[in-house]
Full PDB file with SEQRES, HELIX, SHEET, SSBOND, CRYST1, ORIGX, SCALE, CONECT and MASTER records, all heavy atoms in Angstrom:
SEQRES   1 A   35  GLY GLN GLY SER GLY ALA ALA ALA THR GLN GLY ASP ALA          
SEQRES   2 A   35  THR TRP MET HIS ALA ILE PHE ASP THR GLN PHE TRP THR          
SEQRES   3 A   35  GLN GLY GLY GLY ASP PHE ALA ALA ASN                          
SHEET    1 AA1 2 HIS A  17  ILE A  19  0                                        
SHEET    2 AA1 2 GLN A  23  PHE A  24 -1                                        
CRYST1    1.000    1.000    1.000  90.00  90.00  90.00 P 1           1          
ORIGX1      1.000000  0.000000  0.000000        0.00000                         
ORIGX2      0.000000  1.000000  0.000000        0.00000                         
ORIGX3      0.000000  0.000000  1.000000        0.00000                         
SCALE1      1.000000  0.000000  0.000000        0.00000                         
SCALE2      0.000000  1.000000  0.000000        0.00000                         
SCALE3      0.000000  0.000000  1.000000        0.00000                         
ATOM      1  N   GLY A   1       0.797  -1.210   0.000  1.00  0.00           N  
ATOM      2  CA  GLY A   1       0.000   0.000   0.000  1.00  0.00           C  
ATOM      3  C   GLY A   1       0.830   1.259   0.000  1.00  0.00           C  
ATOM      4  O   GLY A   1       0.304   2.353  -0.100  1.00  0.00           O  
ATOM      5  N   GLN A   2       2.123   1.145   0.160  1.00  0.00           N  
ATOM      6  CA  GLN A   2       3.117   2.206   0.074  1.00  0.00           C  
ATOM      7  C   GLN A   2       3.087   3.168   1.247  1.00  0.00           C  
ATOM      8  O   GLN A   2       3.866   4.105   1.294  1.00  0.00           O  
ATOM      9  CB  GLN A   2       2.989   2.973  -1.249  1.00  0.00           C  
ATOM     10  CG  GLN A   2       3.159   2.073  -2.441  1.00  0.00           C  
ATOM     11  CD  GLN A   2       2.933   2.799  -3.752  1.00  0.00           C  
ATOM     12  OE1 GLN A   2       2.435   3.911  -3.797  1.00  0.00           O  
ATOM     13  NE2 GLN A   2       3.295   2.143  -4.834  1.00  0.00           N  
ATOM     14  N   GLY A   3       2.213   2.959   2.215  1.00  0.00           N  
ATOM     15  CA  GLY A   3       2.113   3.859   3.354  1.00  0.00           C  
ATOM     16  C   GLY A   3       3.335   3.851   4.247  1.00  0.00           C  
ATOM     17  O   GLY A   3       3.598   4.813   4.962  1.00  0.00           O  
ATOM     18  N   SER A   4       4.109   2.774   4.208  1.00  0.00           N  
ATOM     19  CA  SER A   4       5.309   2.687   5.035  1.00  0.00           C  
ATOM     20  C   SER A   4       6.546   3.199   4.314  1.00  0.00           C  
ATOM     21  O   SER A   4       7.617   3.263   4.895  1.00  0.00           O  
ATOM     22  CB  SER A   4       5.546   1.234   5.461  1.00  0.00           C  
ATOM     23  OG  SER A   4       4.467   0.797   6.261  1.00  0.00           O  
ATOM     24  N   GLY A   5       6.404   3.546   3.037  1.00  0.00           N  
ATOM     25  CA  GLY A   5       7.531   4.067   2.282  1.00  0.00           C  
ATOM     26  C   GLY A   5       8.528   2.991   1.917  1.00  0.00           C  
ATOM     27  O   GLY A   5       8.235   1.802   1.960  1.00  0.00           O  
ATOM     28  N   ALA A   6       9.730   3.428   1.573  1.00  0.00           N  
ATOM     29  CA  ALA A   6      10.816   2.531   1.198  1.00  0.00           C  
ATOM     30  C   ALA A   6      12.122   3.204   1.587  1.00  0.00           C  
ATOM     31  O   ALA A   6      12.168   4.415   1.794  1.00  0.00           O  
ATOM     32  CB  ALA A   6      10.795   2.253  -0.304  1.00  0.00           C  
ATOM     33  N   ALA A   7      13.164   2.408   1.692  1.00  0.00           N  
ATOM     34  CA  ALA A   7      14.483   2.982   1.976  1.00  0.00           C  
ATOM     35  C   ALA A   7      14.885   3.896   0.826  1.00  0.00           C  
ATOM     36  O   ALA A   7      14.676   3.574  -0.343  1.00  0.00           O  
ATOM     37  CB  ALA A   7      15.507   1.868   2.147  1.00  0.00           C  
ATOM     38  N   ALA A   8      15.442   5.057   1.165  1.00  0.00           N  
ATOM     39  CA  ALA A   8      15.870   6.011   0.144  1.00  0.00           C  
ATOM     40  C   ALA A   8      17.032   5.450  -0.658  1.00  0.00           C  
ATOM     41  O   ALA A   8      17.901   4.759  -0.128  1.00  0.00           O  
ATOM     42  CB  ALA A   8      16.273   7.324   0.798  1.00  0.00           C  
ATOM     43  N   THR A   9      17.032   5.751  -1.947  1.00  0.00           N  
ATOM     44  CA  THR A   9      18.154   5.405  -2.812  1.00  0.00           C  
ATOM     45  C   THR A   9      18.853   6.696  -3.220  1.00  0.00           C  
ATOM     46  O   THR A   9      18.318   7.798  -3.048  1.00  0.00           O  
ATOM     47  CB  THR A   9      17.686   4.654  -4.074  1.00  0.00           C  
ATOM     48  OG1 THR A   9      16.792   5.493  -4.811  1.00  0.00           O  
ATOM     49  CG2 THR A   9      16.979   3.351  -3.712  1.00  0.00           C  
ATOM     50  N   GLN A  10      20.053   6.572  -3.747  1.00  0.00           N  
ATOM     51  CA  GLN A  10      20.823   7.736  -4.179  1.00  0.00           C  
ATOM     52  C   GLN A  10      19.967   8.617  -5.083  1.00  0.00           C  
ATOM     53  O   GLN A  10      19.373   8.140  -6.034  1.00  0.00           O  
ATOM     54  CB  GLN A  10      22.085   7.276  -4.928  1.00  0.00           C  
ATOM     55  CG  GLN A  10      23.051   8.388  -5.230  1.00  0.00           C  
ATOM     56  CD  GLN A  10      23.687   8.958  -3.974  1.00  0.00           C  
ATOM     57  OE1 GLN A  10      24.003   8.240  -3.042  1.00  0.00           O  
ATOM     58  NE2 GLN A  10      23.863  10.265  -3.953  1.00  0.00           N  
ATOM     59  N   GLY A  11      19.880   9.911  -4.740  1.00  0.00           N  
ATOM     60  CA  GLY A  11      19.143  10.866  -5.557  1.00  0.00           C  
ATOM     61  C   GLY A  11      17.712  11.120  -5.135  1.00  0.00           C  
ATOM     62  O   GLY A  11      17.082  12.050  -5.631  1.00  0.00           O  
ATOM     63  N   ASP A  12      17.153  10.310  -4.220  1.00  0.00           N  
ATOM     64  CA  ASP A  12      15.769  10.516  -3.773  1.00  0.00           C  
ATOM     65  C   ASP A  12      15.620  11.812  -2.993  1.00  0.00           C  
ATOM     66  O   ASP A  12      16.536  12.252  -2.303  1.00  0.00           O  
ATOM     67  CB  ASP A  12      15.324   9.379  -2.828  1.00  0.00           C  
ATOM     68  CG  ASP A  12      14.794   8.166  -3.547  1.00  0.00           C  
ATOM     69  OD1 ASP A  12      14.338   8.297  -4.693  1.00  0.00           O  
ATOM     70  OD2 ASP A  12      14.814   7.071  -2.944  1.00  0.00           O  
ATOM     71  N   ALA A  13      14.437  12.393  -3.064  1.00  0.00           N  
ATOM     72  CA  ALA A  13      14.062  13.457  -2.139  1.00  0.00           C  
ATOM     73  C   ALA A  13      13.432  12.761  -0.931  1.00  0.00           C  
ATOM     74  O   ALA A  13      12.629  11.846  -1.082  1.00  0.00           O  
ATOM     75  CB  ALA A  13      13.062  14.400  -2.785  1.00  0.00           C  
ATOM     76  N   THR A  14      13.827  13.158   0.258  1.00  0.00           N  
ATOM     77  CA  THR A  14      13.268  12.601   1.495  1.00  0.00           C  
ATOM     78  C   THR A  14      12.834  13.761   2.391  1.00  0.00           C  
ATOM     79  O   THR A  14      12.975  14.923   2.019  1.00  0.00           O  
ATOM     80  CB  THR A  14      14.314  11.743   2.244  1.00  0.00           C  
ATOM     81  OG1 THR A  14      15.335  12.612   2.763  1.00  0.00           O  
ATOM     82  CG2 THR A  14      14.936  10.683   1.343  1.00  0.00           C  
ATOM     83  N   TRP A  15      12.343  13.441   3.570  1.00  0.00           N  
ATOM     84  CA  TRP A  15      11.953  14.487   4.510  1.00  0.00           C  
ATOM     85  C   TRP A  15      13.139  15.396   4.848  1.00  0.00           C  
ATOM     86  O   TRP A  15      13.003  16.602   4.961  1.00  0.00           O  
ATOM     87  CB  TRP A  15      11.386  13.858   5.782  1.00  0.00           C  
ATOM     88  CG  TRP A  15      10.869  14.879   6.742  1.00  0.00           C  
ATOM     89  CD1 TRP A  15      11.514  15.394   7.835  1.00  0.00           C  
ATOM     90  CD2 TRP A  15       9.622  15.567   6.673  1.00  0.00           C  
ATOM     91  NE1 TRP A  15      10.748  16.329   8.458  1.00  0.00           N  
ATOM     92  CE2 TRP A  15       9.562  16.464   7.759  1.00  0.00           C  
ATOM     93  CE3 TRP A  15       8.533  15.515   5.807  1.00  0.00           C  
ATOM     94  CZ2 TRP A  15       8.476  17.292   8.003  1.00  0.00           C  
ATOM     95  CZ3 TRP A  15       7.454  16.327   6.051  1.00  0.00           C  
ATOM     96  CH2 TRP A  15       7.442  17.208   7.145  1.00  0.00           C  
ATOM     97  N   MET A  16      14.323  14.820   4.955  1.00  0.00           N  
ATOM     98  CA  MET A  16      15.515  15.584   5.329  1.00  0.00           C  
ATOM     99  C   MET A  16      16.376  16.012   4.133  1.00  0.00           C  
ATOM    100  O   MET A  16      17.094  16.994   4.217  1.00  0.00           O  
ATOM    101  CB  MET A  16      16.392  14.762   6.290  1.00  0.00           C  
ATOM    102  CG  MET A  16      15.704  14.416   7.602  1.00  0.00           C  
ATOM    103  SD  MET A  16      15.172  15.864   8.542  1.00  0.00           S  
ATOM    104  CE  MET A  16      16.718  16.641   8.877  1.00  0.00           C  
ATOM    105  N   HIS A  17      16.319  15.260   3.056  1.00  0.00           N  
ATOM    106  CA  HIS A  17      17.218  15.487   1.918  1.00  0.00           C  
ATOM    107  C   HIS A  17      16.476  16.021   0.692  1.00  0.00           C  
ATOM    108  O   HIS A  17      15.466  15.441   0.284  1.00  0.00           O  
ATOM    109  CB  HIS A  17      17.897  14.183   1.489  1.00  0.00           C  
ATOM    110  CG  HIS A  17      18.873  13.662   2.480  1.00  0.00           C  
ATOM    111  ND1 HIS A  17      18.534  12.781   3.467  1.00  0.00           N  
ATOM    112  CD2 HIS A  17      20.194  13.908   2.623  1.00  0.00           C  
ATOM    113  CE1 HIS A  17      19.609  12.491   4.190  1.00  0.00           C  
ATOM    114  NE2 HIS A  17      20.628  13.171   3.697  1.00  0.00           N  
ATOM    115  N   ALA A  18      17.038  17.066   0.088  1.00  0.00           N  
ATOM    116  CA  ALA A  18      16.577  17.476  -1.240  1.00  0.00           C  
ATOM    117  C   ALA A  18      17.052  16.429  -2.248  1.00  0.00           C  
ATOM    118  O   ALA A  18      16.319  16.060  -3.170  1.00  0.00           O  
ATOM    119  CB  ALA A  18      17.119  18.852  -1.606  1.00  0.00           C  
ATOM    120  N   ILE A  19      18.276  15.961  -2.051  1.00  0.00           N  
ATOM    121  CA  ILE A  19      18.850  14.884  -2.859  1.00  0.00           C  
ATOM    122  C   ILE A  19      19.614  13.971  -1.908  1.00  0.00           C  
ATOM    123  O   ILE A  19      20.639  14.363  -1.346  1.00  0.00           O  
ATOM    124  CB  ILE A  19      19.781  15.434  -3.961  1.00  0.00           C  
ATOM    125  CG1 ILE A  19      18.980  16.362  -4.890  1.00  0.00           C  
ATOM    126  CG2 ILE A  19      20.438  14.302  -4.729  1.00  0.00           C  
ATOM    127  CD1 ILE A  19      19.808  17.077  -5.938  1.00  0.00           C  
ATOM    128  N   PHE A  20      19.098  12.752  -1.701  1.00  0.00           N  
ATOM    129  CA  PHE A  20      19.706  11.796  -0.782  1.00  0.00           C  
ATOM    130  C   PHE A  20      21.036  11.334  -1.363  1.00  0.00           C  
ATOM    131  O   PHE A  20      21.120  11.015  -2.533  1.00  0.00           O  
ATOM    132  CB  PHE A  20      18.767  10.608  -0.582  1.00  0.00           C  
ATOM    133  CG  PHE A  20      19.253   9.602   0.419  1.00  0.00           C  
ATOM    134  CD1 PHE A  20      19.098   9.837   1.765  1.00  0.00           C  
ATOM    135  CD2 PHE A  20      19.873   8.449   0.004  1.00  0.00           C  
ATOM    136  CE1 PHE A  20      19.544   8.916   2.697  1.00  0.00           C  
ATOM    137  CE2 PHE A  20      20.329   7.524   0.920  1.00  0.00           C  
ATOM    138  CZ  PHE A  20      20.159   7.757   2.271  1.00  0.00           C  
ATOM    139  N   ASP A  21      22.041  11.238  -0.696  1.00  0.00           N  
ATOM    140  CA  ASP A  21      22.339  11.578   0.674  1.00  0.00           C  
ATOM    141  C   ASP A  21      23.390  12.678   0.744  1.00  0.00           C  
ATOM    142  O   ASP A  21      24.236  12.697   1.609  1.00  0.00           O  
ATOM    143  CB  ASP A  21      22.757  10.356   1.450  1.00  0.00           C  
ATOM    144  CG  ASP A  21      24.083   9.743   0.960  1.00  0.00           C  
ATOM    145  OD1 ASP A  21      24.552  10.100  -0.124  1.00  0.00           O  
ATOM    146  OD2 ASP A  21      24.642   8.915   1.653  1.00  0.00           O  
ATOM    147  N   THR A  22      23.274  13.618  -0.213  1.00  0.00           N  
ATOM    148  CA  THR A  22      24.303  14.658  -0.288  1.00  0.00           C  
ATOM    149  C   THR A  22      23.794  16.073  -0.024  1.00  0.00           C  
ATOM    150  O   THR A  22      24.572  16.920   0.381  1.00  0.00           O  
ATOM    151  CB  THR A  22      24.978  14.644  -1.674  1.00  0.00           C  
ATOM    152  OG1 THR A  22      23.980  14.865  -2.677  1.00  0.00           O  
ATOM    153  CG2 THR A  22      25.682  13.323  -1.938  1.00  0.00           C  
ATOM    154  N   GLN A  23      22.518  16.340  -0.272  1.00  0.00           N  
ATOM    155  CA  GLN A  23      22.003  17.707  -0.113  1.00  0.00           C  
ATOM    156  C   GLN A  23      20.785  17.709   0.815  1.00  0.00           C  
ATOM    157  O   GLN A  23      19.787  17.051   0.521  1.00  0.00           O  
ATOM    158  CB  GLN A  23      21.615  18.299  -1.462  1.00  0.00           C  
ATOM    159  CG  GLN A  23      22.790  18.461  -2.405  1.00  0.00           C  
ATOM    160  CD  GLN A  23      22.361  19.028  -3.741  1.00  0.00           C  
ATOM    161  OE1 GLN A  23      21.383  19.746  -3.840  1.00  0.00           O  
ATOM    162  NE2 GLN A  23      23.114  18.687  -4.784  1.00  0.00           N  
ATOM    163  N   PHE A  24      20.877  18.482   1.892  1.00  0.00           N  
ATOM    164  CA  PHE A  24      19.778  18.576   2.845  1.00  0.00           C  
ATOM    165  C   PHE A  24      18.863  19.740   2.498  1.00  0.00           C  
ATOM    166  O   PHE A  24      19.303  20.748   1.950  1.00  0.00           O  
ATOM    167  CB  PHE A  24      20.323  18.791   4.275  1.00  0.00           C  
ATOM    168  CG  PHE A  24      20.950  17.566   4.859  1.00  0.00           C  
ATOM    169  CD1 PHE A  24      22.315  17.327   4.714  1.00  0.00           C  
ATOM    170  CD2 PHE A  24      20.183  16.652   5.566  1.00  0.00           C  
ATOM    171  CE1 PHE A  24      22.895  16.201   5.242  1.00  0.00           C  
ATOM    172  CE2 PHE A  24      20.758  15.510   6.104  1.00  0.00           C  
ATOM    173  CZ  PHE A  24      22.121  15.287   5.949  1.00  0.00           C  
ATOM    174  N   TRP A  25      17.578  19.591   2.851  1.00  0.00           N  
ATOM    175  CA  TRP A  25      16.662  20.725   2.832  1.00  0.00           C  
ATOM    176  C   TRP A  25      17.084  21.682   3.949  1.00  0.00           C  
ATOM    177  O   TRP A  25      17.640  21.264   4.956  1.00  0.00           O  
ATOM    178  CB  TRP A  25      15.222  20.288   3.119  1.00  0.00           C  
ATOM    179  CG  TRP A  25      14.587  19.389   2.110  1.00  0.00           C  
ATOM    180  CD1 TRP A  25      14.245  18.082   2.290  1.00  0.00           C  
ATOM    181  CD2 TRP A  25      14.162  19.723   0.788  1.00  0.00           C  
ATOM    182  NE1 TRP A  25      13.644  17.579   1.165  1.00  0.00           N  
ATOM    183  CE2 TRP A  25      13.578  18.568   0.217  1.00  0.00           C  
ATOM    184  CE3 TRP A  25      14.222  20.886   0.020  1.00  0.00           C  
ATOM    185  CZ2 TRP A  25      13.062  18.558  -1.067  1.00  0.00           C  
ATOM    186  CZ3 TRP A  25      13.703  20.866  -1.269  1.00  0.00           C  
ATOM    187  CH2 TRP A  25      13.129  19.717  -1.801  1.00  0.00           C  
ATOM    188  N   THR A  26      16.768  22.947   3.803  1.00  0.00           N  
ATOM    189  CA  THR A  26      17.003  23.912   4.879  1.00  0.00           C  
ATOM    190  C   THR A  26      16.066  23.618   6.044  1.00  0.00           C  
ATOM    191  O   THR A  26      16.438  23.742   7.203  1.00  0.00           O  
ATOM    192  CB  THR A  26      16.776  25.347   4.365  1.00  0.00           C  
ATOM    193  OG1 THR A  26      17.629  25.559   3.244  1.00  0.00           O  
ATOM    194  CG2 THR A  26      17.085  26.370   5.439  1.00  0.00           C  
ATOM    195  N   GLN A  27      14.836  23.209   5.731  1.00  0.00           N  
ATOM    196  CA  GLN A  27      13.852  22.829   6.757  1.00  0.00           C  
ATOM    197  C   GLN A  27      13.299  21.456   6.410  1.00  0.00           C  
ATOM    198  O   GLN A  27      13.136  21.128   5.242  1.00  0.00           O  
ATOM    199  CB  GLN A  27      12.716  23.857   6.840  1.00  0.00           C  
ATOM    200  CG  GLN A  27      11.926  23.987   5.549  1.00  0.00           C  
ATOM    201  CD  GLN A  27      10.860  25.070   5.635  1.00  0.00           C  
ATOM    202  OE1 GLN A  27      10.886  25.918   6.505  1.00  0.00           O  
ATOM    203  NE2 GLN A  27       9.912  25.032   4.721  1.00  0.00           N  
ATOM    204  N   GLY A  28      13.020  20.644   7.409  1.00  0.00           N  
ATOM    205  CA  GLY A  28      12.475  19.309   7.170  1.00  0.00           C  
ATOM    206  C   GLY A  28      11.192  19.369   6.358  1.00  0.00           C  
ATOM    207  O   GLY A  28      10.329  20.202   6.610  1.00  0.00           O  
ATOM    208  N   GLY A  29      11.073  18.505   5.364  1.00  0.00           N  
ATOM    209  CA  GLY A  29       9.879  18.445   4.530  1.00  0.00           C  
ATOM    210  C   GLY A  29       9.998  19.221   3.233  1.00  0.00           C  
ATOM    211  O   GLY A  29       9.182  19.063   2.342  1.00  0.00           O  
ATOM    212  N   GLY A  30      11.006  20.075   3.131  1.00  0.00           N  
ATOM    213  CA  GLY A  30      11.226  20.786   1.873  1.00  0.00           C  
ATOM    214  C   GLY A  30      11.297  22.281   2.050  1.00  0.00           C  
ATOM    215  O   GLY A  30      10.769  22.837   3.002  1.00  0.00           O  
ATOM    216  N   ASP A  31      11.956  22.918   1.116  1.00  0.00           N  
ATOM    217  CA  ASP A  31      12.083  24.375   1.105  1.00  0.00           C  
ATOM    218  C   ASP A  31      11.052  24.925   0.133  1.00  0.00           C  
ATOM    219  O   ASP A  31      11.239  24.873  -1.081  1.00  0.00           O  
ATOM    220  CB  ASP A  31      13.491  24.784   0.669  1.00  0.00           C  
ATOM    221  CG  ASP A  31      14.566  24.261   1.610  1.00  0.00           C  
ATOM    222  OD1 ASP A  31      14.223  23.848   2.729  1.00  0.00           O  
ATOM    223  OD2 ASP A  31      15.740  24.272   1.211  1.00  0.00           O  
ATOM    224  N   PHE A  32       9.951  25.420   0.687  1.00  0.00           N  
ATOM    225  CA  PHE A  32       8.871  25.908  -0.155  1.00  0.00           C  
ATOM    226  C   PHE A  32       8.262  27.168   0.433  1.00  0.00           C  
ATOM    227  O   PHE A  32       8.463  27.483   1.605  1.00  0.00           O  
ATOM    228  CB  PHE A  32       7.797  24.834  -0.364  1.00  0.00           C  
ATOM    229  CG  PHE A  32       7.267  24.224   0.897  1.00  0.00           C  
ATOM    230  CD1 PHE A  32       6.246  24.834   1.622  1.00  0.00           C  
ATOM    231  CD2 PHE A  32       7.770  23.009   1.358  1.00  0.00           C  
ATOM    232  CE1 PHE A  32       5.744  24.264   2.782  1.00  0.00           C  
ATOM    233  CE2 PHE A  32       7.273  22.433   2.517  1.00  0.00           C  
ATOM    234  CZ  PHE A  32       6.261  23.056   3.227  1.00  0.00           C  
ATOM    235  N   ALA A  33       7.531  27.901  -0.404  1.00  0.00           N  
ATOM    236  CA  ALA A  33       6.883  29.144   0.013  1.00  0.00           C  
ATOM    237  C   ALA A  33       5.918  28.869   1.165  1.00  0.00           C  
ATOM    238  O   ALA A  33       5.194  27.873   1.160  1.00  0.00           O  
ATOM    239  CB  ALA A  33       6.142  29.764  -1.162  1.00  0.00           C  
ATOM    240  N   ALA A  34       5.916  29.755   2.146  1.00  0.00           N  
ATOM    241  CA  ALA A  34       5.029  29.590   3.308  1.00  0.00           C  
ATOM    242  C   ALA A  34       3.561  29.693   2.917  1.00  0.00           C  
ATOM    243  O   ALA A  34       2.722  28.940   3.431  1.00  0.00           O  
ATOM    244  CB  ALA A  34       5.360  30.640   4.364  1.00  0.00           C  
ATOM    245  N   ASN A  35       3.242  30.592   2.003  1.00  0.00           N  
ATOM    246  CA  ASN A  35       1.848  30.759   1.577  1.00  0.00           C  
ATOM    247  C   ASN A  35       1.511  29.782   0.468  1.00  0.00           C  
ATOM    248  O   ASN A  35       2.268  29.635  -0.496  1.00  0.00           O  
ATOM    249  CB  ASN A  35       1.601  32.189   1.088  1.00  0.00           C  
ATOM    250  CG  ASN A  35       1.738  33.191   2.216  1.00  0.00           C  
ATOM    251  OD1 ASN A  35       1.424  32.906   3.366  1.00  0.00           O  
ATOM    252  ND2 ASN A  35       2.219  34.382   1.883  1.00  0.00           N  
TER     253      ASN A  35                                                      
MASTER        0    0    0    0    2    0    0    6  252    1    0    3          
END                                                                             
C-alpha cells in the first residue's frame, strides 16, 4: 500500500534530503513558500 515508504536510494528526495544523501533541505519536509 506504500504507506510505510521505502528505503531512500541515491538521488531521492526525502523528509531531510533534497537529494539523498548529499544535499539537505534547509527545513524538514522541503524548502517551499510559506503561503
